[in-house]
Amino acid sequence: MNINERLDTYVAARQDYDAKRRLASEAEEVRRRAEADLVNAMLDAGTKSIGRDDGSLFSLRKNFSFSLTEANMQQAREWLLESEGDDSPFVKEVVSKPALTELLKKKMEDGIDALELPAFLKVNTMPGISVRGWKQLGNIDDNQEAE
């Protein structure tokens, strides 16, 4: 198989992948709407769970979420100090993965081999395909690297 045939094979596979991702996204939206409709119906009926003949049981659960962002981090820490007297049980120091990624890329651009970096980081590089103009061809995710 020559390189143009391989390119055609890649383009066909990528288009198939993109189409299936769109379908999966649409299916997820349908599932979410159906779940919201079922939750509302169960709440209206005062029902906490529904069993089916196949033995499966569908139960209401309480989802919990909140927003903790860089923008409100200081406010959260101040609130913890005020309400709990100490924020240390809630604060942890972590290495920034994006910053470490940039450092490792720079080291490798400067000539350090991946094998010279600490083994525990499991640094790996492999070639991939980046496509410019994918959207213009009626596809999605312009300049997305192949997965």
N, C-alpha and C. Protein backbone atom coordinates (compact mmCIF):
# COMPACT_ATOMS: atom_id res chain seq x y z
N MET A 1 0.85 -1.17 0.00
CA MET A 1 0.00 0.00 0.00
C MET A 1 0.91 1.25 0.00
N ASN A 2 0.67 2.17 -0.94
CA ASN A 2 1.51 3.36 -0.99
C ASN A 2 1.00 4.43 -0.01
N ILE A 3 1.73 5.52 0.10
CA ILE A 3 1.41 6.54 1.10
C ILE A 3 0.07 7.21 0.83
N ASN A 4 -0.31 7.42 -0.43
CA ASN A 4 -1.60 8.02 -0.75
C ASN A 4 -2.75 7.10 -0.37
N GLU A 5 -2.58 5.81 -0.58
CA GLU A 5 -3.61 4.85 -0.17
C GLU A 5 -3.74 4.85 1.36
N ARG A 6 -2.61 4.94 2.05
CA ARG A 6 -2.64 5.00 3.52
C ARG A 6 -3.29 6.29 3.99
N LEU A 7 -3.03 7.39 3.29
CA LEU A 7 -3.67 8.65 3.62
C LEU A 7 -5.18 8.53 3.45
N ASP A 8 -5.61 7.94 2.32
CA ASP A 8 -7.05 7.74 2.08
C ASP A 8 -7.66 6.87 3.18
N THR A 9 -6.95 5.83 3.59
CA THR A 9 -7.44 4.95 4.65
C THR A 9 -7.57 5.73 5.96
N TYR A 10 -6.57 6.57 6.25
CA TYR A 10 -6.61 7.38 7.47
C TYR A 10 -7.79 8.35 7.43
N VAL A 11 -7.96 9.05 6.30
CA VAL A 11 -9.05 10.02 6.18
C VAL A 11 -10.40 9.32 6.37
N ALA A 12 -10.58 8.17 5.77
CA ALA A 12 -11.84 7.43 5.91
C ALA A 12 -12.06 7.02 7.37
N ALA A 13 -11.01 6.54 8.03
CA ALA A 13 -11.12 6.13 9.43
C ALA A 13 -11.43 7.33 10.32
N ARG A 14 -10.78 8.44 10.03
CA ARG A 14 -11.00 9.65 10.83
C ARG A 14 -12.41 10.18 10.64
N GLN A 15 -12.91 10.17 9.41
CA GLN A 15 -14.28 10.61 9.16
C GLN A 15 -15.28 9.71 9.86
N ASP A 16 -15.03 8.40 9.83
CA ASP A 16 -15.90 7.45 10.53
C ASP A 16 -15.89 7.72 12.03
N TYR A 17 -14.69 7.94 12.57
CA TYR A 17 -14.53 8.25 14.00
C TYR A 17 -15.30 9.52 14.36
N ASP A 18 -15.12 10.59 13.57
CA ASP A 18 -15.80 11.86 13.85
C ASP A 18 -17.32 11.69 13.81
N ALA A 19 -17.81 10.94 12.83
CA ALA A 19 -19.25 10.72 12.70
C ALA A 19 -19.78 9.96 13.92
N LYS A 20 -19.04 8.96 14.37
CA LYS A 20 -19.48 8.18 15.54
C LYS A 20 -19.41 9.02 16.81
N ARG A 21 -18.43 9.92 16.90
CA ARG A 21 -18.36 10.82 18.05
C ARG A 21 -19.56 11.75 18.07
N ARG A 22 -19.94 12.26 16.90
CA ARG A 22 -21.13 13.12 16.82
C ARG A 22 -22.37 12.33 17.25
N LEU A 23 -22.50 11.10 16.76
CA LEU A 23 -23.65 10.27 17.14
C LEU A 23 -23.66 9.98 18.64
N ALA A 24 -22.48 9.69 19.19
CA ALA A 24 -22.40 9.41 20.63
C ALA A 24 -22.78 10.65 21.43
N SER A 25 -22.37 11.81 20.98
CA SER A 25 -22.71 13.06 21.65
C SER A 25 -24.22 13.30 21.60
N GLU A 26 -24.80 13.05 20.45
CA GLU A 26 -26.26 13.20 20.31
C GLU A 26 -26.99 12.18 21.18
N ALA A 27 -26.50 10.95 21.22
CA ALA A 27 -27.13 9.91 22.05
C ALA A 27 -27.03 10.27 23.53
N GLU A 28 -25.89 10.85 23.94
CA GLU A 28 -25.73 11.26 25.33
C GLU A 28 -26.72 12.36 25.69
N GLU A 29 -26.96 13.27 24.78
CA GLU A 29 -27.94 14.33 25.03
C GLU A 29 -29.34 13.75 25.17
N VAL A 30 -29.70 12.79 24.33
CA VAL A 30 -31.01 12.12 24.42
C VAL A 30 -31.12 11.39 25.76
N ARG A 31 -30.04 10.69 26.17
CA ARG A 31 -30.04 9.98 27.45
C ARG A 31 -30.22 10.96 28.61
N ARG A 32 -29.54 12.09 28.57
CA ARG A 32 -29.66 13.08 29.65
C ARG A 32 -31.08 13.63 29.75
N ARG A 33 -31.68 13.91 28.60
CA ARG A 33 -33.06 14.41 28.62
C ARG A 33 -34.01 13.36 29.17
N ALA A 34 -33.82 12.10 28.77
CA ALA A 34 -34.68 11.01 29.26
C ALA A 34 -34.49 10.82 30.77
N GLU A 35 -33.23 10.95 31.24
CA GLU A 35 -32.98 10.83 32.68
C GLU A 35 -33.67 11.96 33.44
N ALA A 36 -33.55 13.20 32.93
CA ALA A 36 -34.19 14.33 33.59
C ALA A 36 -35.70 14.15 33.63
N ASP A 37 -36.27 13.63 32.54
CA ASP A 37 -37.71 13.39 32.48
C ASP A 37 -38.12 12.32 33.51
N LEU A 38 -37.32 11.24 33.60
CA LEU A 38 -37.61 10.19 34.58
C LEU A 38 -37.49 10.71 36.00
N VAL A 39 -36.44 11.48 36.28
CA VAL A 39 -36.26 12.05 37.62
C VAL A 39 -37.47 12.91 37.98
N ASN A 40 -37.87 13.78 37.07
CA ASN A 40 -39.02 14.65 37.35
C ASN A 40 -40.30 13.84 37.59
N ALA A 41 -40.51 12.80 36.79
CA ALA A 41 -41.69 11.95 36.96
C ALA A 41 -41.66 11.24 38.31
N MET A 42 -40.48 10.75 38.71
CA MET A 42 -40.36 10.06 40.00
C MET A 42 -40.58 11.03 41.16
N LEU A 43 -40.02 12.26 41.02
CA LEU A 43 -40.24 13.26 42.07
C LEU A 43 -41.71 13.63 42.17
N ASP A 44 -42.36 13.84 41.01
CA ASP A 44 -43.78 14.18 41.00
C ASP A 44 -44.62 13.07 41.63
N ALA A 45 -44.23 11.81 41.41
CA ALA A 45 -44.98 10.67 41.94
C ALA A 45 -44.58 10.33 43.36
N GLY A 46 -43.54 10.97 43.88
CA GLY A 46 -43.08 10.67 45.23
C GLY A 46 -42.42 9.30 45.31
N THR A 47 -41.87 8.83 44.23
CA THR A 47 -41.25 7.50 44.15
C THR A 47 -39.74 7.63 44.23
N LYS A 48 -39.12 6.85 45.12
CA LYS A 48 -37.67 6.89 45.25
C LYS A 48 -36.97 5.86 44.39
N SER A 49 -37.69 4.78 44.03
CA SER A 49 -37.07 3.78 43.17
C SER A 49 -38.15 3.03 42.39
N ILE A 50 -37.72 2.48 41.27
CA ILE A 50 -38.62 1.71 40.41
C ILE A 50 -37.90 0.43 40.02
N GLY A 51 -38.53 -0.71 40.28
CA GLY A 51 -37.97 -1.99 39.87
C GLY A 51 -38.56 -2.43 38.55
N ARG A 52 -37.78 -3.20 37.84
CA ARG A 52 -38.25 -3.76 36.57
C ARG A 52 -38.33 -5.27 36.67
N ASP A 53 -39.07 -5.87 35.74
CA ASP A 53 -39.23 -7.33 35.73
C ASP A 53 -37.90 -8.06 35.57
N ASP A 54 -36.93 -7.42 34.95
CA ASP A 54 -35.63 -8.06 34.74
C ASP A 54 -34.74 -8.02 35.98
N GLY A 55 -35.27 -7.43 37.08
CA GLY A 55 -34.51 -7.38 38.33
C GLY A 55 -33.72 -6.10 38.52
N SER A 56 -33.66 -5.25 37.51
CA SER A 56 -32.93 -4.00 37.68
C SER A 56 -33.75 -3.03 38.52
N LEU A 57 -33.05 -2.16 39.23
CA LEU A 57 -33.69 -1.20 40.12
C LEU A 57 -33.13 0.18 39.80
N PHE A 58 -34.01 1.12 39.53
CA PHE A 58 -33.63 2.49 39.22
C PHE A 58 -34.02 3.36 40.41
N SER A 59 -33.03 4.00 41.03
CA SER A 59 -33.26 4.77 42.24
C SER A 59 -32.81 6.21 42.07
N LEU A 60 -33.54 7.11 42.72
CA LEU A 60 -33.12 8.50 42.73
C LEU A 60 -31.86 8.62 43.58
N ARG A 61 -30.98 9.49 43.17
CA ARG A 61 -29.80 9.78 43.97
C ARG A 61 -29.67 11.30 44.02
N LYS A 62 -28.94 11.76 44.99
CA LYS A 62 -28.73 13.19 45.11
C LYS A 62 -27.35 13.51 44.56
N ASN A 63 -27.30 14.31 43.52
CA ASN A 63 -26.03 14.75 42.98
C ASN A 63 -25.58 15.98 43.74
N PHE A 64 -24.29 16.06 44.00
CA PHE A 64 -23.72 17.18 44.73
C PHE A 64 -22.61 17.77 43.90
N SER A 65 -22.63 19.07 43.73
CA SER A 65 -21.55 19.71 43.00
C SER A 65 -21.36 21.12 43.54
N PHE A 66 -20.21 21.67 43.29
CA PHE A 66 -19.93 23.05 43.63
C PHE A 66 -18.82 23.54 42.73
N SER A 67 -18.59 24.84 42.75
CA SER A 67 -17.58 25.43 41.87
C SER A 67 -16.42 25.95 42.70
N LEU A 68 -15.26 25.36 42.50
CA LEU A 68 -14.03 25.84 43.11
C LEU A 68 -13.05 26.08 41.98
N THR A 69 -12.79 27.34 41.71
CA THR A 69 -11.95 27.71 40.59
C THR A 69 -10.79 28.57 41.08
N GLU A 70 -9.87 28.83 40.20
CA GLU A 70 -8.78 29.75 40.56
C GLU A 70 -9.34 31.10 40.96
N ALA A 71 -10.41 31.52 40.30
CA ALA A 71 -11.00 32.83 40.56
C ALA A 71 -11.60 32.94 41.97
N ASN A 72 -12.13 31.84 42.52
CA ASN A 72 -12.74 31.93 43.85
C ASN A 72 -11.96 31.18 44.93
N MET A 73 -10.75 30.74 44.60
CA MET A 73 -9.93 29.95 45.53
C MET A 73 -9.64 30.72 46.81
N GLN A 74 -9.25 31.98 46.69
CA GLN A 74 -8.93 32.77 47.89
C GLN A 74 -10.17 32.96 48.76
N GLN A 75 -11.31 33.20 48.14
CA GLN A 75 -12.56 33.35 48.90
C GLN A 75 -12.89 32.05 49.64
N ALA A 76 -12.65 30.92 48.99
CA ALA A 76 -12.92 29.63 49.63
C ALA A 76 -12.02 29.45 50.85
N ARG A 77 -10.75 29.79 50.70
CA ARG A 77 -9.82 29.66 51.83
C ARG A 77 -10.23 30.58 52.98
N GLU A 78 -10.63 31.81 52.65
CA GLU A 78 -11.08 32.74 53.69
C GLU A 78 -12.32 32.20 54.39
N TRP A 79 -13.25 31.64 53.63
CA TRP A 79 -14.46 31.07 54.22
C TRP A 79 -14.11 29.89 55.13
N LEU A 80 -13.19 29.04 54.69
CA LEU A 80 -12.77 27.91 55.53
C LEU A 80 -12.14 28.39 56.83
N LEU A 81 -11.32 29.42 56.76
CA LEU A 81 -10.71 29.97 57.98
C LEU A 81 -11.78 30.52 58.92
N GLU A 82 -12.76 31.21 58.35
CA GLU A 82 -13.84 31.79 59.16
C GLU A 82 -14.74 30.70 59.76
N SER A 83 -15.13 29.74 58.94
CA SER A 83 -16.12 28.75 59.38
C SER A 83 -15.49 27.56 60.11
N GLU A 84 -14.26 27.18 59.75
CA GLU A 84 -13.64 25.99 60.34
C GLU A 84 -12.44 26.33 61.24
N GLY A 85 -11.97 27.56 61.14
CA GLY A 85 -10.84 27.97 61.95
C GLY A 85 -9.48 27.59 61.38
N ASP A 86 -9.47 26.74 60.37
CA ASP A 86 -8.22 26.26 59.79
C ASP A 86 -8.53 25.73 58.39
N ASP A 87 -7.70 26.12 57.42
CA ASP A 87 -7.93 25.63 56.07
C ASP A 87 -6.98 24.50 55.69
N SER A 88 -6.02 24.19 56.54
CA SER A 88 -4.98 23.22 56.18
C SER A 88 -5.51 21.82 55.85
N PRO A 89 -6.57 21.32 56.51
CA PRO A 89 -7.06 19.98 56.11
C PRO A 89 -7.64 19.95 54.69
N PHE A 90 -7.93 21.13 54.15
CA PHE A 90 -8.60 21.21 52.85
C PHE A 90 -7.67 21.65 51.72
N VAL A 91 -6.43 21.97 52.06
CA VAL A 91 -5.49 22.50 51.09
C VAL A 91 -4.38 21.48 50.86
N LYS A 92 -4.06 21.24 49.59
CA LYS A 92 -2.95 20.36 49.28
C LYS A 92 -2.11 21.00 48.19
N GLU A 93 -0.85 20.71 48.24
CA GLU A 93 0.06 21.22 47.22
C GLU A 93 0.25 20.13 46.18
N VAL A 94 0.08 20.49 44.92
CA VAL A 94 0.24 19.51 43.85
C VAL A 94 1.13 20.09 42.76
N VAL A 95 1.77 19.21 42.04
CA VAL A 95 2.58 19.60 40.89
C VAL A 95 1.63 19.91 39.75
N SER A 96 1.86 20.99 39.06
CA SER A 96 1.03 21.37 37.93
C SER A 96 1.44 20.53 36.72
N LYS A 97 0.52 19.67 36.25
CA LYS A 97 0.83 18.82 35.10
C LYS A 97 1.10 19.64 33.84
N PRO A 98 0.31 20.70 33.54
CA PRO A 98 0.64 21.49 32.35
C PRO A 98 2.03 22.13 32.43
N ALA A 99 2.39 22.64 33.60
CA ALA A 99 3.71 23.25 33.74
C ALA A 99 4.82 22.21 33.60
N LEU A 100 4.60 21.03 34.19
CA LEU A 100 5.60 19.96 34.07
C LEU A 100 5.70 19.49 32.62
N THR A 101 4.59 19.42 31.92
CA THR A 101 4.60 19.04 30.51
C THR A 101 5.47 20.00 29.70
N GLU A 102 5.27 21.29 29.93
CA GLU A 102 6.07 22.28 29.21
C GLU A 102 7.55 22.14 29.54
N LEU A 103 7.88 21.90 30.81
CA LEU A 103 9.28 21.73 31.21
C LEU A 103 9.89 20.51 30.51
N LEU A 104 9.17 19.40 30.53
CA LEU A 104 9.69 18.18 29.90
C LEU A 104 9.86 18.36 28.39
N LYS A 105 8.89 19.01 27.74
CA LYS A 105 9.01 19.27 26.30
C LYS A 105 10.23 20.13 26.01
N LYS A 106 10.43 21.16 26.84
CA LYS A 106 11.58 22.05 26.64
C LYS A 106 12.88 21.28 26.81
N LYS A 107 12.96 20.44 27.84
CA LYS A 107 14.17 19.65 28.06
C LYS A 107 14.45 18.75 26.85
N MET A 108 13.42 18.16 26.30
CA MET A 108 13.60 17.28 25.15
C MET A 108 13.98 18.09 23.91
N GLU A 109 13.38 19.29 23.76
CA GLU A 109 13.76 20.16 22.64
C GLU A 109 15.22 20.59 22.77
N ASP A 110 15.69 20.71 24.02
CA ASP A 110 17.09 21.09 24.28
C ASP A 110 18.04 19.91 24.13
N GLY A 111 17.51 18.74 23.76
CA GLY A 111 18.37 17.61 23.46
C GLY A 111 18.40 16.49 24.47
N ILE A 112 17.67 16.61 25.56
CA ILE A 112 17.64 15.52 26.54
C ILE A 112 16.72 14.42 26.01
N ASP A 113 17.18 13.19 26.05
CA ASP A 113 16.41 12.04 25.59
C ASP A 113 15.39 11.66 26.66
N ALA A 114 14.23 11.17 26.24
CA ALA A 114 13.19 10.75 27.18
C ALA A 114 13.72 9.73 28.18
N LEU A 115 14.65 8.90 27.75
CA LEU A 115 15.21 7.87 28.64
C LEU A 115 16.08 8.47 29.74
N GLU A 116 16.52 9.73 29.58
CA GLU A 116 17.33 10.39 30.59
C GLU A 116 16.47 11.04 31.67
N LEU A 117 15.19 11.15 31.44
CA LEU A 117 14.28 11.74 32.42
C LEU A 117 13.91 10.68 33.45
N PRO A 118 13.45 11.08 34.63
CA PRO A 118 13.14 10.10 35.68
C PRO A 118 12.17 9.02 35.20
N ALA A 119 12.50 7.78 35.49
CA ALA A 119 11.69 6.64 35.04
C ALA A 119 10.27 6.69 35.58
N PHE A 120 10.10 7.21 36.80
CA PHE A 120 8.75 7.23 37.40
C PHE A 120 7.78 8.11 36.62
N LEU A 121 8.31 9.05 35.81
CA LEU A 121 7.44 9.90 35.00
C LEU A 121 6.90 9.16 33.77
N LYS A 122 7.55 8.07 33.39
CA LYS A 122 7.11 7.26 32.24
C LYS A 122 6.90 8.14 31.00
N VAL A 123 7.89 9.00 30.72
CA VAL A 123 7.81 9.89 29.56
C VAL A 123 7.85 9.05 28.29
N ASN A 124 6.93 9.34 27.40
CA ASN A 124 6.84 8.59 26.15
C ASN A 124 6.52 9.57 25.04
N THR A 125 7.15 9.40 23.93
CA THR A 125 6.80 10.20 22.75
C THR A 125 6.51 9.26 21.60
N MET A 126 5.60 9.67 20.78
CA MET A 126 5.31 8.88 19.58
C MET A 126 4.77 9.82 18.52
N PRO A 127 5.07 9.55 17.28
CA PRO A 127 4.59 10.43 16.21
C PRO A 127 3.08 10.28 16.02
N GLY A 128 2.47 11.34 15.58
CA GLY A 128 1.03 11.33 15.30
C GLY A 128 0.76 12.22 14.10
N ILE A 129 -0.49 12.38 13.77
CA ILE A 129 -0.87 13.19 12.62
C ILE A 129 -1.65 14.40 13.12
N SER A 130 -1.27 15.57 12.65
CA SER A 130 -2.00 16.80 12.90
C SER A 130 -2.56 17.24 11.55
N VAL A 131 -3.85 17.57 11.51
CA VAL A 131 -4.50 17.89 10.24
C VAL A 131 -4.97 19.33 10.24
N ARG A 132 -4.47 20.11 9.32
CA ARG A 132 -4.92 21.48 9.14
C ARG A 132 -5.96 21.47 8.02
N GLY A 133 -7.10 22.14 8.26
CA GLY A 133 -8.12 22.20 7.23
C GLY A 133 -9.19 21.12 7.36
N TRP A 134 -9.18 20.37 8.46
CA TRP A 134 -10.14 19.28 8.64
C TRP A 134 -11.57 19.81 8.68
N LYS A 135 -11.80 20.95 9.36
CA LYS A 135 -13.14 21.53 9.44
C LYS A 135 -13.65 21.95 8.06
N GLN A 136 -12.74 22.53 7.28
CA GLN A 136 -13.15 23.00 5.96
C GLN A 136 -13.60 21.85 5.06
N LEU A 137 -13.15 20.66 5.38
CA LEU A 137 -13.57 19.49 4.60
C LEU A 137 -14.90 18.92 5.09
N GLY A 138 -15.53 19.65 6.05
CA GLY A 138 -16.81 19.20 6.58
C GLY A 138 -16.66 18.28 7.78
N ASN A 139 -15.48 18.26 8.35
CA ASN A 139 -15.22 17.43 9.51
C ASN A 139 -15.13 18.29 10.76
N ILE A 140 -14.87 17.67 11.90
CA ILE A 140 -14.79 18.42 13.14
C ILE A 140 -13.37 18.43 13.65
N ASP A 141 -13.16 19.20 14.70
CA ASP A 141 -11.89 19.22 15.43
C ASP A 141 -10.70 19.55 14.55
N ASP A 142 -10.73 20.73 13.95
CA ASP A 142 -9.62 21.18 13.13
C ASP A 142 -8.31 21.15 13.90
N ASN A 143 -7.30 20.64 13.29
CA ASN A 143 -5.95 20.56 13.84
C ASN A 143 -5.87 19.68 15.09
N GLN A 144 -6.83 18.78 15.24
CA GLN A 144 -6.80 17.83 16.37
C GLN A 144 -5.80 16.73 16.04
N GLU A 145 -5.01 16.37 17.02
CA GLU A 145 -4.06 15.29 16.78
C GLU A 145 -4.79 13.97 16.78
N ALA A 146 -4.33 13.07 15.97
CA ALA A 146 -4.94 11.74 15.88
C ALA A 146 -4.78 11.02 17.20
N GLU A 147 -5.82 10.29 17.58
CA GLU A 147 -5.75 9.51 18.82
C GLU A 147 -5.61 8.06 18.51
